[in-house]
Structure formats: structure tokens, C-alpha cells
Protein backbone atom coordinates (compact mmCIF):
# COMPACT_ATOMS: atom_id res chain seq x y z
CA MET A 1 208.65 41.51 65.80
CA ARG A 2 206.45 41.14 68.90
CA ILE A 3 209.48 40.40 71.04
CA LEU A 4 211.08 43.61 69.82
CA THR A 5 207.93 45.59 70.68
CA VAL A 6 207.82 44.09 74.17
CA LEU A 7 211.53 44.78 74.63
CA PHE A 8 211.12 48.44 73.67
CA GLY A 9 208.07 48.70 75.94
CA VAL A 10 210.05 47.42 78.92
CA VAL A 11 213.03 49.67 78.20
CA ALA A 12 210.84 52.74 77.83
CA MET A 13 208.97 52.25 81.12
CA PRO A 14 208.62 55.43 83.19
CA ALA A 15 210.09 53.62 86.21
CA PHE A 16 213.48 53.68 84.50
CA ALA A 17 213.28 57.36 83.58
CA SER A 18 215.15 59.88 85.67
CA SER A 19 213.34 62.88 87.10
CA PHE A 20 213.53 66.20 85.28
CA ASP A 21 215.88 68.74 86.83
CA ARG A 22 214.96 72.29 85.92
CA PRO A 23 217.90 74.31 84.58
CA ILE A 24 219.04 77.16 86.80
CA PRO A 25 219.47 80.39 84.82
CA GLN A 26 222.92 81.93 85.08
CA PRO A 27 223.29 85.67 85.78
CA GLN A 28 224.17 87.96 82.91
CA SER A 29 227.63 89.46 82.79
CA ALA A 30 228.15 93.23 82.59
CA THR A 31 229.44 92.85 79.03
CA ALA A 32 226.32 90.97 77.95
CA GLU A 33 224.09 93.62 79.53
CA PHE A 34 226.02 96.38 77.75
CA TRP A 35 225.65 94.72 74.34
CA PHE A 36 221.96 94.01 74.98
CA ALA A 37 221.37 97.68 75.85
CA LEU A 38 223.30 98.82 72.78
CA SER A 39 221.39 96.49 70.47
CA SER A 40 218.08 97.60 72.02
CA LEU A 41 218.92 101.23 71.30
CA ALA A 42 219.94 100.32 67.75
CA LEU A 43 216.63 98.51 67.23
CA ILE A 44 214.66 101.52 68.50
CA ALA A 45 216.66 103.84 66.23
CA ALA A 46 215.99 101.58 63.24
CA LEU A 47 212.26 101.50 64.02
CA VAL A 48 212.16 105.31 64.25
CA LEU A 49 214.03 105.57 60.95
CA VAL A 50 211.64 103.18 59.21
CA GLN A 51 208.63 105.04 60.63
CA ARG A 52 209.98 108.35 59.28
CA LEU A 53 210.69 106.86 55.86
CA VAL A 54 207.23 105.29 55.59
CA SER A 55 205.38 108.43 56.73
CA ARG A 56 206.99 110.60 53.99
CA LYS A 57 204.35 109.94 51.36
């Protein structure tokens, strides 16, 4: 069991780890921006509708 622990300790040494490469964000397409704008407007409309329904007491 101790040999296994030592083996895992050697394998997991930071010297063997590769450096972290930050992901580069890709630009949005025009279609994705259109659907995001449409869904944002739908969310705002739903929030206005809920506010009107709640305030009708």
C-alpha cells in the first residue's frame, strides 16, 4: 500500500503537469445575437406581465 502511495505521489508531481492555457472566447454570430436580443425582450415582457398581475390586488 505504501508503494502505491509513493507511486501516485510521483505521478502527481507538479513538474509533470502542463501549464494552463486560458481559453480564447469566440465572437458571437449575428444569429446568436439576434436570438439573445429576442429572448431578452421576451424576458422583459414576461417581467412586466408578472408585475401587472401581482399589482392587481
